[in-house]
Amino acid sequence: MLVPFLAAAETAARARPDVDVELARELLGEAAAMLHNGLALDGLDEHDTAAVVGALSQDLVARDPGVAVRALAEATLTEPGDLHDAEAAWAAYLTAAAILQL
């Protein structure tokens, strides 16, 4: 679960010169740990976990991650794509936002 978060931190740091790569990696590493410890992704199958982690890692480096994650949650219900359980993914996104206090 950690790898996508660290990759997103590095991508954000390359794209935005105001972002320190080491600090971004540290913050997203802590976010991944909080989500794991907070059981935010429990109840998702392996496929949906990978999809949610990938999307969260990208949204957490947005200029306003709270808005991005909540929009992602809502979009999941209307356009679930290939998710196996869109409602569980929606709940995971909102749980992640709550755990990370977004």
C-alpha atoms as a PDB file:
ATOM      1  CA  MET A   1       0.000   0.000   0.000  1.00  0.00           C
ATOM      2  CA  LEU A   2       2.878   2.383   0.655  1.00  0.00           C
ATOM      3  CA  VAL A   3       4.413   2.354  -2.836  1.00  0.00           C
ATOM      4  CA  PRO A   4       1.643   4.327  -4.627  1.00  0.00           C
ATOM      5  CA  PHE A   5       1.697   6.983  -1.904  1.00  0.00           C
ATOM      6  CA  LEU A   6       5.465   7.446  -2.158  1.00  0.00           C
ATOM      7  CA  ALA A   7       5.289   7.547  -5.952  1.00  0.00           C
ATOM      8  CA  ALA A   8       2.590  10.235  -5.785  1.00  0.00           C
ATOM      9  CA  ALA A   9       4.749  12.265  -3.396  1.00  0.00           C
ATOM     10  CA  GLU A  10       7.676  12.127  -5.793  1.00  0.00           C
ATOM     11  CA  THR A  11       5.511  13.021  -8.787  1.00  0.00           C
ATOM     12  CA  ALA A  12       4.030  15.994  -6.940  1.00  0.00           C
ATOM     13  CA  ALA A  13       7.473  17.206  -5.891  1.00  0.00           C
ATOM     14  CA  ARG A  14       8.727  17.042  -9.482  1.00  0.00           C
ATOM     15  CA  ALA A  15       5.679  18.896 -10.804  1.00  0.00           C
ATOM     16  CA  ARG A  16       5.607  21.566  -8.117  1.00  0.00           C
ATOM     17  CA  PRO A  17       8.890  23.204  -7.160  1.00  0.00           C
ATOM     18  CA  ASP A  18       7.390  24.425  -3.871  1.00  0.00           C
ATOM     19  CA  VAL A  19       7.074  20.800  -2.667  1.00  0.00           C
ATOM     20  CA  ASP A  20      10.025  19.204  -0.871  1.00  0.00           C
ATOM     21  CA  VAL A  21      10.279  15.571  -1.982  1.00  0.00           C
ATOM     22  CA  GLU A  22      11.478  14.215   1.364  1.00  0.00           C
ATOM     23  CA  LEU A  23       8.766  16.017   3.293  1.00  0.00           C
ATOM     24  CA  ALA A  24       6.128  14.874   0.790  1.00  0.00           C
ATOM     25  CA  ARG A  25       7.330  11.268   1.076  1.00  0.00           C
ATOM     26  CA  GLU A  26       7.245  11.480   4.867  1.00  0.00           C
ATOM     27  CA  LEU A  27       3.741  12.970   4.942  1.00  0.00           C
ATOM     28  CA  LEU A  28       2.279  10.495   2.491  1.00  0.00           C
ATOM     29  CA  GLY A  29       4.020   7.632   4.281  1.00  0.00           C
ATOM     30  CA  GLU A  30       2.329   8.757   7.481  1.00  0.00           C
ATOM     31  CA  ALA A  31      -1.006   9.046   5.674  1.00  0.00           C
ATOM     32  CA  ALA A  32      -0.647   5.473   4.390  1.00  0.00           C
ATOM     33  CA  ALA A  33       0.136   4.255   7.906  1.00  0.00           C
ATOM     34  CA  MET A  34      -2.867   6.112   9.351  1.00  0.00           C
ATOM     35  CA  LEU A  35      -5.170   4.616   6.731  1.00  0.00           C
ATOM     36  CA  HIS A  36      -3.804   1.138   7.407  1.00  0.00           C
ATOM     37  CA  ASN A  37      -4.028   1.493  11.178  1.00  0.00           C
ATOM     38  CA  GLY A  38      -7.464   3.100  10.919  1.00  0.00           C
ATOM     39  CA  LEU A  39      -8.745   0.143   8.906  1.00  0.00           C
ATOM     40  CA  ALA A  40     -10.027   2.506   6.213  1.00  0.00           C
ATOM     41  CA  LEU A  41      -9.703  -0.128   3.511  1.00  0.00           C
ATOM     42  CA  ASP A  42     -11.056  -3.112   5.419  1.00  0.00           C
ATOM     43  CA  GLY A  43     -13.936  -4.749   3.632  1.00  0.00           C
ATOM     44  CA  LEU A  44     -12.543  -4.110   0.156  1.00  0.00           C
ATOM     45  CA  ASP A  45     -11.335  -6.988  -1.963  1.00  0.00           C
ATOM     46  CA  GLU A  46      -7.814  -6.950  -3.389  1.00  0.00           C
ATOM     47  CA  HIS A  47      -8.892  -5.395  -6.696  1.00  0.00           C
ATOM     48  CA  ASP A  48     -10.875  -2.576  -5.087  1.00  0.00           C
ATOM     49  CA  THR A  49      -8.158  -1.952  -2.495  1.00  0.00           C
ATOM     50  CA  ALA A  50      -5.633  -1.385  -5.276  1.00  0.00           C
ATOM     51  CA  ALA A  51      -8.030   0.961  -7.090  1.00  0.00           C
ATOM     52  CA  VAL A  52      -8.851   2.966  -3.965  1.00  0.00           C
ATOM     53  CA  VAL A  53      -5.201   3.221  -2.891  1.00  0.00           C
ATOM     54  CA  GLY A  54      -4.204   4.380  -6.363  1.00  0.00           C
ATOM     55  CA  ALA A  55      -6.898   7.034  -6.474  1.00  0.00           C
ATOM     56  CA  LEU A  56      -6.290   8.199  -2.901  1.00  0.00           C
ATOM     57  CA  SER A  57      -2.566   8.526  -3.456  1.00  0.00           C
ATOM     58  CA  GLN A  58      -3.230  10.866  -6.376  1.00  0.00           C
ATOM     59  CA  ASP A  59      -5.899  12.916  -4.625  1.00  0.00           C
ATOM     60  CA  LEU A  60      -3.842  13.397  -1.479  1.00  0.00           C
ATOM     61  CA  VAL A  61      -1.309  15.451  -3.449  1.00  0.00           C
ATOM     62  CA  ALA A  62      -3.983  17.685  -4.981  1.00  0.00           C
ATOM     63  CA  ARG A  63      -4.000  21.375  -4.062  1.00  0.00           C
ATOM     64  CA  ASP A  64      -7.088  20.681  -1.926  1.00  0.00           C
ATOM     65  CA  PRO A  65      -7.058  16.985  -1.013  1.00  0.00           C
ATOM     66  CA  GLY A  66     -10.265  17.184   1.015  1.00  0.00           C
ATOM     67  CA  VAL A  67     -12.271  18.419  -1.946  1.00  0.00           C
ATOM     68  CA  ALA A  68     -10.560  15.923  -4.242  1.00  0.00           C
ATOM     69  CA  VAL A  69     -11.253  12.899  -2.017  1.00  0.00           C
ATOM     70  CA  ARG A  70     -14.885  13.838  -1.374  1.00  0.00           C
ATOM     71  CA  ALA A  71     -15.457  14.401  -5.114  1.00  0.00           C
ATOM     72  CA  LEU A  72     -13.856  11.047  -5.823  1.00  0.00           C
ATOM     73  CA  ALA A  73     -16.167   9.376  -3.307  1.00  0.00           C
ATOM     74  CA  GLU A  74     -19.264  10.853  -4.927  1.00  0.00           C
ATOM     75  CA  ALA A  75     -18.062  10.033  -8.444  1.00  0.00           C
ATOM     76  CA  THR A  76     -17.544   6.434  -7.367  1.00  0.00           C
ATOM     77  CA  LEU A  77     -21.271   6.017  -6.792  1.00  0.00           C
ATOM     78  CA  THR A  78     -22.260   7.446 -10.177  1.00  0.00           C
ATOM     79  CA  GLU A  79     -19.379   6.061 -12.245  1.00  0.00           C
ATOM     80  CA  PRO A  80     -17.918   3.025 -10.462  1.00  0.00           C
ATOM     81  CA  GLY A  81     -15.823   1.888 -13.401  1.00  0.00           C
ATOM     82  CA  ASP A  82     -14.555  -1.626 -12.772  1.00  0.00           C
ATOM     83  CA  LEU A  83     -14.911  -1.549  -8.984  1.00  0.00           C
ATOM     84  CA  HIS A  84     -16.437  -4.699  -7.566  1.00  0.00           C
ATOM     85  CA  ASP A  85     -18.192  -2.889  -4.701  1.00  0.00           C
ATOM     86  CA  ALA A  86     -18.680   0.814  -5.381  1.00  0.00           C
ATOM     87  CA  GLU A  87     -20.484   1.441  -2.085  1.00  0.00           C
ATOM     88  CA  ALA A  88     -17.616  -0.058  -0.082  1.00  0.00           C
ATOM     89  CA  ALA A  89     -15.132   2.061  -2.065  1.00  0.00           C
ATOM     90  CA  TRP A  90     -17.277   5.154  -1.427  1.00  0.00           C
ATOM     91  CA  ALA A  91     -17.249   4.378   2.289  1.00  0.00           C
ATOM     92  CA  ALA A  92     -13.483   3.806   2.218  1.00  0.00           C
ATOM     93  CA  TYR A  93     -12.901   7.218   0.613  1.00  0.00           C
ATOM     94  CA  LEU A  94     -15.040   8.974   3.206  1.00  0.00           C
ATOM     95  CA  THR A  95     -13.413   7.013   6.022  1.00  0.00           C
ATOM     96  CA  ALA A  96     -10.007   8.011   4.677  1.00  0.00           C
ATOM     97  CA  ALA A  97     -11.074  11.667   4.610  1.00  0.00           C
ATOM     98  CA  ALA A  98     -12.237  11.397   8.215  1.00  0.00           C
ATOM     99  CA  ILE A  99      -9.081   9.619   9.414  1.00  0.00           C
ATOM    100  CA  LEU A 100      -6.863  12.174   7.689  1.00  0.00           C
ATOM    101  CA  GLN A 101      -9.109  15.018   8.852  1.00  0.00           C
ATOM    102  CA  LEU A 102      -9.584  16.391   5.353  1.00  0.00           C
END
